[in-house]
Amino acid sequence: MTEDIPERESRSFELPNGDTIFITQRDGMFYAYQNLCPHLQVELEFLENQFLDRDQEFIECSTHGALFLVETGECISGPCQGQSLEKVEITVHSDGGIYLVE
């Protein structure tokens, strides 16, 4: 639900297939990515639901400090520069639900 993900915060979700994704909100838009750093294929967060840097500007990998743009998932700093997080297609319904696009 959209109210579960406040502006400039993020939440992780486990999918039925066992994959973990996270969703973050920026300026009223929601973005979803696989919870996997392209550098070493490790999960991004150090603490549960902590996917953003201290200033809540960028997605941050806790392992090596790589920074990713919220809107595109592109790595702009760190060992995987030029790579991107794997985007997950979602739709936001008028009822406030967030759904995966099949």
PDB file of N, CA and C in Angstrom:
ATOM      1  N   MET A   1       0.839  -1.183   0.000  1.00  0.00           N
ATOM      2  CA  MET A   1       0.000   0.000   0.000  1.00  0.00           C
ATOM      3  C   MET A   1       0.886   1.249   0.000  1.00  0.00           C
ATOM      4  N   THR A   2       0.432   2.253  -0.701  1.00  0.00           N
ATOM      5  CA  THR A   2       1.244   3.459  -0.843  1.00  0.00           C
ATOM      6  C   THR A   2       1.513   4.138   0.494  1.00  0.00           C
ATOM      7  N   GLU A   3       0.554   4.075   1.427  1.00  0.00           N
ATOM      8  CA  GLU A   3       0.785   4.747   2.714  1.00  0.00           C
ATOM      9  C   GLU A   3       1.851   4.050   3.557  1.00  0.00           C
ATOM     10  N   ASP A   4       2.221   2.830   3.180  1.00  0.00           N
ATOM     11  CA  ASP A   4       3.277   2.107   3.891  1.00  0.00           C
ATOM     12  C   ASP A   4       4.673   2.578   3.490  1.00  0.00           C
ATOM     13  N   ILE A   5       4.756   3.405   2.436  1.00  0.00           N
ATOM     14  CA  ILE A   5       6.059   3.843   1.921  1.00  0.00           C
ATOM     15  C   ILE A   5       6.057   5.370   1.846  1.00  0.00           C
ATOM     16  N   PRO A   6       6.399   6.042   2.957  1.00  0.00           N
ATOM     17  CA  PRO A   6       6.400   7.505   2.952  1.00  0.00           C
ATOM     18  C   PRO A   6       7.430   8.082   1.981  1.00  0.00           C
ATOM     19  N   GLU A   7       7.236   9.331   1.625  1.00  0.00           N
ATOM     20  CA  GLU A   7       8.168  10.057   0.754  1.00  0.00           C
ATOM     21  C   GLU A   7       9.596   9.922   1.293  1.00  0.00           C
ATOM     22  N   ARG A   8      10.524   9.607   0.386  1.00  0.00           N
ATOM     23  CA  ARG A   8      11.950   9.468   0.693  1.00  0.00           C
ATOM     24  C   ARG A   8      12.252   8.373   1.725  1.00  0.00           C
ATOM     25  N   GLU A   9      11.404   7.359   1.735  1.00  0.00           N
ATOM     26  CA  GLU A   9      11.681   6.165   2.525  1.00  0.00           C
ATOM     27  C   GLU A   9      11.542   4.952   1.613  1.00  0.00           C
ATOM     28  N   SER A  10      11.864   3.784   2.133  1.00  0.00           N
ATOM     29  CA  SER A  10      11.810   2.574   1.315  1.00  0.00           C
ATOM     30  C   SER A  10      11.392   1.394   2.174  1.00  0.00           C
ATOM     31  N   ARG A  11      10.844   0.393   1.508  1.00  0.00           N
ATOM     32  CA  ARG A  11      10.410  -0.833   2.185  1.00  0.00           C
ATOM     33  C   ARG A  11      10.757  -2.028   1.313  1.00  0.00           C
ATOM     34  N   SER A  12      11.145  -3.125   1.972  1.00  0.00           N
ATOM     35  CA  SER A  12      11.440  -4.345   1.222  1.00  0.00           C
ATOM     36  C   SER A  12      10.245  -5.288   1.293  1.00  0.00           C
ATOM     37  N   PHE A  13      10.145  -6.120   0.256  1.00  0.00           N
ATOM     38  CA  PHE A  13       9.047  -7.081   0.147  1.00  0.00           C
ATOM     39  C   PHE A  13       9.605  -8.372  -0.431  1.00  0.00           C
ATOM     40  N   GLU A  14       9.159  -9.507   0.125  1.00  0.00           N
ATOM     41  CA  GLU A  14       9.562 -10.796  -0.440  1.00  0.00           C
ATOM     42  C   GLU A  14       8.488 -11.255  -1.414  1.00  0.00           C
ATOM     43  N   LEU A  15       8.925 -11.648  -2.599  1.00  0.00           N
ATOM     44  CA  LEU A  15       8.004 -12.121  -3.623  1.00  0.00           C
ATOM     45  C   LEU A  15       7.731 -13.613  -3.435  1.00  0.00           C
ATOM     46  N   PRO A  16       6.645 -14.111  -4.003  1.00  0.00           N
ATOM     47  CA  PRO A  16       6.323 -15.541  -3.873  1.00  0.00           C
ATOM     48  C   PRO A  16       7.461 -16.453  -4.347  1.00  0.00           C
ATOM     49  N   ASN A  17       8.282 -15.998  -5.307  1.00  0.00           N
ATOM     50  CA  ASN A  17       9.374 -16.840  -5.806  1.00  0.00           C
ATOM     51  C   ASN A  17      10.623 -16.771  -4.924  1.00  0.00           C
ATOM     52  N   GLY A  18      10.550 -16.002  -3.822  1.00  0.00           N
ATOM     53  CA  GLY A  18      11.675 -15.915  -2.903  1.00  0.00           C
ATOM     54  C   GLY A  18      12.573 -14.721  -3.126  1.00  0.00           C
ATOM     55  N   ASP A  19      12.427 -14.042  -4.274  1.00  0.00           N
ATOM     56  CA  ASP A  19      13.209 -12.825  -4.522  1.00  0.00           C
ATOM     57  C   ASP A  19      12.777 -11.729  -3.553  1.00  0.00           C
ATOM     58  N   THR A  20      13.690 -10.817  -3.255  1.00  0.00           N
ATOM     59  CA  THR A  20      13.363  -9.664  -2.432  1.00  0.00           C
ATOM     60  C   THR A  20      13.493  -8.414  -3.287  1.00  0.00           C
ATOM     61  N   ILE A  21      12.473  -7.567  -3.225  1.00  0.00           N
ATOM     62  CA  ILE A  21      12.515  -6.285  -3.919  1.00  0.00           C
ATOM     63  C   ILE A  21      12.363  -5.182  -2.884  1.00  0.00           C
ATOM     64  N   PHE A  22      12.639  -3.954  -3.291  1.00  0.00           N
ATOM     65  CA  PHE A  22      12.302  -2.832  -2.425  1.00  0.00           C
ATOM     66  C   PHE A  22      11.649  -1.754  -3.266  1.00  0.00           C
ATOM     67  N   ILE A  23      10.798  -0.993  -2.607  1.00  0.00           N
ATOM     68  CA  ILE A  23      10.079   0.099  -3.250  1.00  0.00           C
ATOM     69  C   ILE A  23      10.378   1.375  -2.478  1.00  0.00           C
ATOM     70  N   THR A  24      10.635   2.453  -3.207  1.00  0.00           N
ATOM     71  CA  THR A  24      10.888   3.743  -2.588  1.00  0.00           C
ATOM     72  C   THR A  24      10.036   4.803  -3.269  1.00  0.00           C
ATOM     73  N   GLN A  25       9.753   5.870  -2.546  1.00  0.00           N
ATOM     74  CA  GLN A  25       8.939   6.954  -3.102  1.00  0.00           C
ATOM     75  C   GLN A  25       9.777   8.217  -3.221  1.00  0.00           C
ATOM     76  N   ARG A  26       9.652   8.876  -4.368  1.00  0.00           N
ATOM     77  CA  ARG A  26      10.337  10.154  -4.589  1.00  0.00           C
ATOM     78  C   ARG A  26       9.380  11.070  -5.339  1.00  0.00           C
ATOM     79  N   ASP A  27       9.058  12.198  -4.744  1.00  0.00           N
ATOM     80  CA  ASP A  27       8.173  13.198  -5.362  1.00  0.00           C
ATOM     81  C   ASP A  27       6.856  12.585  -5.841  1.00  0.00           C
ATOM     82  N   GLY A  28       6.294  11.699  -5.025  1.00  0.00           N
ATOM     83  CA  GLY A  28       5.001  11.108  -5.337  1.00  0.00           C
ATOM     84  C   GLY A  28       5.032   9.943  -6.311  1.00  0.00           C
ATOM     85  N   MET A  29       6.207   9.620  -6.835  1.00  0.00           N
ATOM     86  CA  MET A  29       6.352   8.478  -7.742  1.00  0.00           C
ATOM     87  C   MET A  29       6.982   7.313  -6.973  1.00  0.00           C
ATOM     88  N   PHE A  30       6.618   6.100  -7.348  1.00  0.00           N
ATOM     89  CA  PHE A  30       7.151   4.910  -6.690  1.00  0.00           C
ATOM     90  C   PHE A  30       8.072   4.164  -7.646  1.00  0.00           C
ATOM     91  N   TYR A  31       9.212   3.700  -7.108  1.00  0.00           N
ATOM     92  CA  TYR A  31      10.213   2.989  -7.896  1.00  0.00           C
ATOM     93  C   TYR A  31      10.535   1.685  -7.181  1.00  0.00           C
ATOM     94  N   ALA A  32      10.645   0.606  -7.950  1.00  0.00           N
ATOM     95  CA  ALA A  32      10.916  -0.711  -7.375  1.00  0.00           C
ATOM     96  C   ALA A  32      12.123  -1.340  -8.060  1.00  0.00           C
ATOM     97  N   TYR A  33      12.957  -1.988  -7.250  1.00  0.00           N
ATOM     98  CA  TYR A  33      14.164  -2.639  -7.756  1.00  0.00           C
ATOM     99  C   TYR A  33      14.377  -3.958  -7.033  1.00  0.00           C
ATOM    100  N   GLN A  34      15.088  -4.866  -7.718  1.00  0.00           N
ATOM    101  CA  GLN A  34      15.562  -6.078  -7.058  1.00  0.00           C
ATOM    102  C   GLN A  34      16.525  -5.663  -5.949  1.00  0.00           C
ATOM    103  N   ASN A  35      16.468  -6.349  -4.825  1.00  0.00           N
ATOM    104  CA  ASN A  35      17.370  -6.048  -3.702  1.00  0.00           C
ATOM    105  C   ASN A  35      18.691  -6.781  -3.926  1.00  0.00           C
ATOM    106  N   LEU A  36      19.432  -6.312  -4.940  1.00  0.00           N
ATOM    107  CA  LEU A  36      20.668  -6.970  -5.324  1.00  0.00           C
ATOM    108  C   LEU A  36      21.614  -5.954  -5.943  1.00  0.00           C
ATOM    109  N   CYS A  37      22.778  -5.777  -5.337  1.00  0.00           N
ATOM    110  CA  CYS A  37      23.777  -4.876  -5.892  1.00  0.00           C
ATOM    111  C   CYS A  37      24.427  -5.536  -7.106  1.00  0.00           C
ATOM    112  N   PRO A  38      24.562  -4.818  -8.223  1.00  0.00           N
ATOM    113  CA  PRO A  38      25.178  -5.428  -9.411  1.00  0.00           C
ATOM    114  C   PRO A  38      26.661  -5.730  -9.224  1.00  0.00           C
ATOM    115  N   HIS A  39      27.288  -5.199  -8.181  1.00  0.00           N
ATOM    116  CA  HIS A  39      28.720  -5.395  -7.963  1.00  0.00           C
ATOM    117  C   HIS A  39      29.033  -6.814  -7.498  1.00  0.00           C
ATOM    118  N   LEU A  40      28.485  -7.220  -6.351  1.00  0.00           N
ATOM    119  CA  LEU A  40      28.775  -8.551  -5.813  1.00  0.00           C
ATOM    120  C   LEU A  40      27.531  -9.397  -5.612  1.00  0.00           C
ATOM    121  N   GLN A  41      26.393  -8.954  -6.162  1.00  0.00           N
ATOM    122  CA  GLN A  41      25.138  -9.680  -6.011  1.00  0.00           C
ATOM    123  C   GLN A  41      24.778  -9.879  -4.538  1.00  0.00           C
ATOM    124  N   VAL A  42      25.032  -8.848  -3.714  1.00  0.00           N
ATOM    125  CA  VAL A  42      24.655  -8.890  -2.306  1.00  0.00           C
ATOM    126  C   VAL A  42      23.438  -7.999  -2.103  1.00  0.00           C
ATOM    127  N   GLU A  43      22.696  -8.259  -1.018  1.00  0.00           N
ATOM    128  CA  GLU A  43      21.573  -7.394  -0.695  1.00  0.00           C
ATOM    129  C   GLU A  43      22.101  -6.012  -0.323  1.00  0.00           C
ATOM    130  N   LEU A  44      21.300  -5.006  -0.592  1.00  0.00           N
ATOM    131  CA  LEU A  44      21.755  -3.623  -0.462  1.00  0.00           C
ATOM    132  C   LEU A  44      21.747  -3.098   0.966  1.00  0.00           C
ATOM    133  N   GLU A  45      20.753  -3.468   1.757  1.00  0.00           N
ATOM    134  CA  GLU A  45      20.570  -2.782   3.038  1.00  0.00           C
ATOM    135  C   GLU A  45      21.380  -3.397   4.161  1.00  0.00           C
ATOM    136  N   PHE A  46      21.776  -2.532   5.091  1.00  0.00           N
ATOM    137  CA  PHE A  46      22.484  -2.954   6.297  1.00  0.00           C
ATOM    138  C   PHE A  46      21.477  -3.286   7.384  1.00  0.00           C
ATOM    139  N   LEU A  47      20.478  -2.440   7.520  1.00  0.00           N
ATOM    140  CA  LEU A  47      19.375  -2.661   8.447  1.00  0.00           C
ATOM    141  C   LEU A  47      18.086  -2.791   7.638  1.00  0.00           C
ATOM    142  N   GLU A  48      17.109  -3.448   8.204  1.00  0.00           N
ATOM    143  CA  GLU A  48      15.848  -3.657   7.483  1.00  0.00           C
ATOM    144  C   GLU A  48      15.265  -2.334   6.985  1.00  0.00           C
ATOM    145  N   ASN A  49      14.902  -2.312   5.724  1.00  0.00           N
ATOM    146  CA  ASN A  49      14.284  -1.164   5.060  1.00  0.00           C
ATOM    147  C   ASN A  49      15.181   0.076   4.970  1.00  0.00           C
ATOM    148  N   GLN A  50      16.488  -0.081   5.156  1.00  0.00           N
ATOM    149  CA  GLN A  50      17.423   1.036   5.031  1.00  0.00           C
ATOM    150  C   GLN A  50      18.146   0.951   3.690  1.00  0.00           C
ATOM    151  N   PHE A  51      17.492   1.467   2.655  1.00  0.00           N
ATOM    152  CA  PHE A  51      18.045   1.389   1.310  1.00  0.00           C
ATOM    153  C   PHE A  51      18.617   2.720   0.842  1.00  0.00           C
ATOM    154  N   LEU A  52      18.316   3.803   1.556  1.00  0.00           N
ATOM    155  CA  LEU A  52      18.744   5.127   1.114  1.00  0.00           C
ATOM    156  C   LEU A  52      19.922   5.618   1.941  1.00  0.00           C
ATOM    157  N   ASP A  53      20.690   6.537   1.349  1.00  0.00           N
ATOM    158  CA  ASP A  53      21.829   7.101   2.073  1.00  0.00           C
ATOM    159  C   ASP A  53      21.337   8.015   3.194  1.00  0.00           C
ATOM    160  N   ARG A  54      22.257   8.539   3.973  1.00  0.00           N
ATOM    161  CA  ARG A  54      21.926   9.343   5.151  1.00  0.00           C
ATOM    162  C   ARG A  54      21.027  10.534   4.805  1.00  0.00           C
ATOM    163  N   ASP A  55      21.260  11.145   3.648  1.00  0.00           N
ATOM    164  CA  ASP A  55      20.462  12.304   3.234  1.00  0.00           C
ATOM    165  C   ASP A  55      19.192  11.909   2.492  1.00  0.00           C
ATOM    166  N   GLN A  56      18.973  10.619   2.331  1.00  0.00           N
ATOM    167  CA  GLN A  56      17.813  10.069   1.630  1.00  0.00           C
ATOM    168  C   GLN A  56      17.708  10.604   0.193  1.00  0.00           C
ATOM    169  N   GLU A  57      18.872  10.832  -0.417  1.00  0.00           N
ATOM    170  CA  GLU A  57      18.942  11.301  -1.799  1.00  0.00           C
ATOM    171  C   GLU A  57      19.118  10.157  -2.781  1.00  0.00           C
ATOM    172  N   PHE A  58      19.931   9.176  -2.407  1.00  0.00           N
ATOM    173  CA  PHE A  58      20.303   8.086  -3.300  1.00  0.00           C
ATOM    174  C   PHE A  58      20.065   6.742  -2.636  1.00  0.00           C
ATOM    175  N   ILE A  59      19.891   5.703  -3.456  1.00  0.00           N
ATOM    176  CA  ILE A  59      19.896   4.332  -2.967  1.00  0.00           C
ATOM    177  C   ILE A  59      21.360   3.995  -2.696  1.00  0.00           C
ATOM    178  N   GLU A  60      21.636   3.369  -1.562  1.00  0.00           N
ATOM    179  CA  GLU A  60      23.023   3.077  -1.201  1.00  0.00           C
ATOM    180  C   GLU A  60      23.199   1.600  -0.885  1.00  0.00           C
ATOM    181  N   CYS A  61      24.264   1.013  -1.422  1.00  0.00           N
ATOM    182  CA  CYS A  61      24.633  -0.355  -1.063  1.00  0.00           C
ATOM    183  C   CYS A  61      25.475  -0.295   0.205  1.00  0.00           C
ATOM    184  N   SER A  62      25.034  -0.986   1.235  1.00  0.00           N
ATOM    185  CA  SER A  62      25.735  -0.906   2.515  1.00  0.00           C
ATOM    186  C   SER A  62      27.085  -1.621   2.479  1.00  0.00           C
ATOM    187  N   THR A  63      27.297  -2.519   1.528  1.00  0.00           N
ATOM    188  CA  THR A  63      28.549  -3.283   1.502  1.00  0.00           C
ATOM    189  C   THR A  63      29.743  -2.430   1.086  1.00  0.00           C
ATOM    190  N   HIS A  64      29.631  -1.715  -0.039  1.00  0.00           N
ATOM    191  CA  HIS A  64      30.757  -0.910  -0.506  1.00  0.00           C
ATOM    192  C   HIS A  64      30.399   0.552  -0.743  1.00  0.00           C
ATOM    193  N   GLY A  65      29.214   0.979  -0.322  1.00  0.00           N
ATOM    194  CA  GLY A  65      28.846   2.388  -0.416  1.00  0.00           C
ATOM    195  C   GLY A  65      28.493   2.881  -1.807  1.00  0.00           C
ATOM    196  N   ALA A  66      28.225   1.986  -2.734  1.00  0.00           N
ATOM    197  CA  ALA A  66      27.812   2.419  -4.071  1.00  0.00           C
ATOM    198  C   ALA A  66      26.513   3.206  -3.962  1.00  0.00           C
ATOM    199  N   LEU A  67      26.393   4.250  -4.792  1.00  0.00           N
ATOM    200  CA  LEU A  67      25.187   5.081  -4.801  1.00  0.00           C
ATOM    201  C   LEU A  67      24.474   4.938  -6.140  1.00  0.00           C
ATOM    202  N   PHE A  68      23.145   4.870  -6.083  1.00  0.00           N
ATOM    203  CA  PHE A  68      22.316   4.682  -7.269  1.00  0.00           C
ATOM    204  C   PHE A  68      21.244   5.764  -7.317  1.00  0.00           C
ATOM    205  N   LEU A  69      20.906   6.225  -8.515  1.00  0.00           N
ATOM    206  CA  LEU A  69      19.823   7.184  -8.691  1.00  0.00           C
ATOM    207  C   LEU A  69      18.487   6.504  -8.393  1.00  0.00           C
ATOM    208  N   VAL A  70      17.643   7.160  -7.614  1.00  0.00           N
ATOM    209  CA  VAL A  70      16.344   6.592  -7.269  1.00  0.00           C
ATOM    210  C   VAL A  70      15.492   6.379  -8.514  1.00  0.00           C
ATOM    211  N   GLU A  71      15.499   7.331  -9.433  1.00  0.00           N
ATOM    212  CA  GLU A  71      14.599   7.290 -10.575  1.00  0.00           C
ATOM    213  C   GLU A  71      14.967   6.250 -11.628  1.00  0.00           C
ATOM    214  N   THR A  72      16.258   5.914 -11.755  1.00  0.00           N
ATOM    215  CA  THR A  72      16.683   5.005 -12.820  1.00  0.00           C
ATOM    216  C   THR A  72      17.415   3.760 -12.323  1.00  0.00           C
ATOM    217  N   GLY A  73      17.930   3.796 -11.104  1.00  0.00           N
ATOM    218  CA  GLY A  73      18.721   2.685 -10.585  1.00  0.00           C
ATOM    219  C   GLY A  73      20.160   2.694 -11.052  1.00  0.00           C
ATOM    220  N   GLU A  74      20.558   3.724 -11.811  1.00  0.00           N
ATOM    221  CA  GLU A  74      21.922   3.795 -12.340  1.00  0.00           C
ATOM    222  C   GLU A  74      22.924   4.073 -11.218  1.00  0.00           C
ATOM    223  N   CYS A  75      24.037   3.332 -11.221  1.00  0.00           N
ATOM    224  CA  CYS A  75      25.098   3.540 -10.241  1.00  0.00           C
ATOM    225  C   CYS A  75      25.915   4.765 -10.649  1.00  0.00           C
ATOM    226  N   ILE A  76      26.011   5.739  -9.743  1.00  0.00           N
ATOM    227  CA  ILE A  76      26.745   6.971 -10.037  1.00  0.00           C
ATOM    228  C   ILE A  76      28.017   7.102  -9.214  1.00  0.00           C
ATOM    229  N   SER A  77      28.216   6.181  -8.256  1.00  0.00           N
ATOM    230  CA  SER A  77      29.406   6.234  -7.417  1.00  0.00           C
ATOM    231  C   SER A  77      29.661   4.849  -6.843  1.00  0.00           C
ATOM    232  N   GLY A  78      30.937   4.444  -6.830  1.00  0.00           N
ATOM    233  CA  GLY A  78      31.271   3.151  -6.243  1.00  0.00           C
ATOM    234  C   GLY A  78      31.774   2.155  -7.268  1.00  0.00           C
ATOM    235  N   PRO A  79      31.990   0.910  -6.821  1.00  0.00           N
ATOM    236  CA  PRO A  79      32.646  -0.103  -7.660  1.00  0.00           C
ATOM    237  C   PRO A  79      31.828  -0.564  -8.856  1.00  0.00           C
ATOM    238  N   CYS A  80      30.538  -0.301  -8.885  1.00  0.00           N
ATOM    239  CA  CYS A  80      29.722  -0.768 -10.016  1.00  0.00           C
ATOM    240  C   CYS A  80      29.269   0.398 -10.884  1.00  0.00           C
ATOM    241  N   GLN A  81      30.042   1.480 -10.886  1.00  0.00           N
ATOM    242  CA  GLN A  81      29.680   2.651 -11.679  1.00  0.00           C
ATOM    243  C   GLN A  81      29.424   2.267 -13.130  1.00  0.00           C
ATOM    244  N   GLY A  82      28.344   2.792 -13.697  1.00  0.00           N
ATOM    245  CA  GLY A  82      27.969   2.462 -15.069  1.00  0.00           C
ATOM    246  C   GLY A  82      26.978   1.311 -15.148  1.00  0.00           C
ATOM    247  N   GLN A  83      26.853   0.530 -14.072  1.00  0.00           N
ATOM    248  CA  GLN A  83      25.863  -0.537 -14.029  1.00  0.00           C
ATOM    249  C   GLN A  83      24.595   0.005 -13.381  1.00  0.00           C
ATOM    250  N   SER A  84      23.554  -0.798 -13.341  1.00  0.00           N
ATOM    251  CA  SER A  84      22.290  -0.359 -12.757  1.00  0.00           C
ATOM    252  C   SER A  84      21.653  -1.464 -11.935  1.00  0.00           C
ATOM    253  N   LEU A  85      20.811  -1.046 -11.001  1.00  0.00           N
ATOM    254  CA  LEU A  85      19.971  -1.987 -10.287  1.00  0.00           C
ATOM    255  C   LEU A  85      18.942  -2.539 -11.271  1.00  0.00           C
ATOM    256  N   GLU A  86      18.448  -3.729 -10.993  1.00  0.00           N
ATOM    257  CA  GLU A  86      17.433  -4.321 -11.863  1.00  0.00           C
ATOM    258  C   GLU A  86      16.060  -3.804 -11.465  1.00  0.00           C
ATOM    259  N   LYS A  87      15.451  -3.040 -12.383  1.00  0.00           N
ATOM    260  CA  LYS A  87      14.159  -2.411 -12.126  1.00  0.00           C
ATOM    261  C   LYS A  87      13.058  -3.468 -12.120  1.00  0.00           C
ATOM    262  N   VAL A  88      12.079  -3.273 -11.237  1.00  0.00           N
ATOM    263  CA  VAL A  88      10.906  -4.133 -11.156  1.00  0.00           C
ATOM    264  C   VAL A  88       9.708  -3.283 -11.566  1.00  0.00           C
ATOM    265  N   GLU A  89       8.954  -3.748 -12.557  1.00  0.00           N
ATOM    266  CA  GLU A  89       7.804  -2.978 -13.048  1.00  0.00           C
ATOM    267  C   GLU A  89       6.628  -3.105 -12.075  1.00  0.00           C
ATOM    268  N   ILE A  90       6.118  -1.963 -11.640  1.00  0.00           N
ATOM    269  CA  ILE A  90       4.978  -1.927 -10.730  1.00  0.00           C
ATOM    270  C   ILE A  90       3.933  -0.961 -11.274  1.00  0.00           C
ATOM    271  N   THR A  91       2.716  -1.126 -10.794  1.00  0.00           N
ATOM    272  CA  THR A  91       1.671  -0.140 -11.064  1.00  0.00           C
ATOM    273  C   THR A  91       1.073   0.259  -9.727  1.00  0.00           C
ATOM    274  N   VAL A  92       0.667   1.514  -9.634  1.00  0.00           N
ATOM    275  CA  VAL A  92       0.027   2.025  -8.426  1.00  0.00           C
ATOM    276  C   VAL A  92      -1.435   2.268  -8.770  1.00  0.00           C
ATOM    277  N   HIS A  93      -2.336   1.583  -8.070  1.00  0.00           N
ATOM    278  CA  HIS A  93      -3.762   1.703  -8.343  1.00  0.00           C
ATOM    279  C   HIS A  93      -4.379   2.810  -7.498  1.00  0.00           C
ATOM    280  N   SER A  94      -5.537   3.271  -7.920  1.00  0.00           N
ATOM    281  CA  SER A  94      -6.222   4.355  -7.208  1.00  0.00           C
ATOM    282  C   SER A  94      -6.620   3.950  -5.793  1.00  0.00           C
ATOM    283  N   ASP A  95      -6.703   2.641  -5.525  1.00  0.00           N
ATOM    284  CA  ASP A  95      -7.049   2.190  -4.176  1.00  0.00           C
ATOM    285  C   ASP A  95      -5.841   2.234  -3.230  1.00  0.00           C
ATOM    286  N   GLY A  96      -4.684   2.688  -3.754  1.00  0.00           N
ATOM    287  CA  GLY A  96      -3.486   2.771  -2.926  1.00  0.00           C
ATOM    288  C   GLY A  96      -2.631   1.524  -2.972  1.00  0.00           C
ATOM    289  N   GLY A  97      -3.086   0.502  -3.672  1.00  0.00           N
ATOM    290  CA  GLY A  97      -2.312  -0.724  -3.782  1.00  0.00           C
ATOM    291  C   GLY A  97      -1.184  -0.592  -4.786  1.00  0.00           C
ATOM    292  N   ILE A  98      -0.078  -1.261  -4.512  1.00  0.00           N
ATOM    293  CA  ILE A  98       1.065  -1.313  -5.432  1.00  0.00           C
ATOM    294  C   ILE A  98       1.176  -2.757  -5.898  1.00  0.00           C
ATOM    295  N   TYR A  99       1.156  -2.929  -7.224  1.00  0.00           N
ATOM    296  CA  TYR A  99       1.123  -4.278  -7.782  1.00  0.00           C
ATOM    297  C   TYR A  99       2.255  -4.477  -8.777  1.00  0.00           C
ATOM    298  N   LEU A 100       2.774  -5.700  -8.818  1.00  0.00           N
ATOM    299  CA  LEU A 100       3.765  -6.063  -9.817  1.00  0.00           C
ATOM    300  C   LEU A 100       3.102  -6.170 -11.175  1.00  0.00           C
ATOM    301  N   VAL A 101       3.803  -5.741 -12.200  1.00  0.00           N
ATOM    302  CA  VAL A 101       3.323  -5.918 -13.571  1.00  0.00           C
ATOM    303  C   VAL A 101       3.802  -7.289 -14.038  1.00  0.00           C
ATOM    304  N   GLU A 102       2.878  -8.120 -14.417  1.00  0.00           N
ATOM    305  CA  GLU A 102       3.244  -9.491 -14.841  1.00  0.00           C
ATOM    306  C   GLU A 102       3.708  -9.479 -16.272  1.00  0.00           C
TER     307      GLU A 102
END
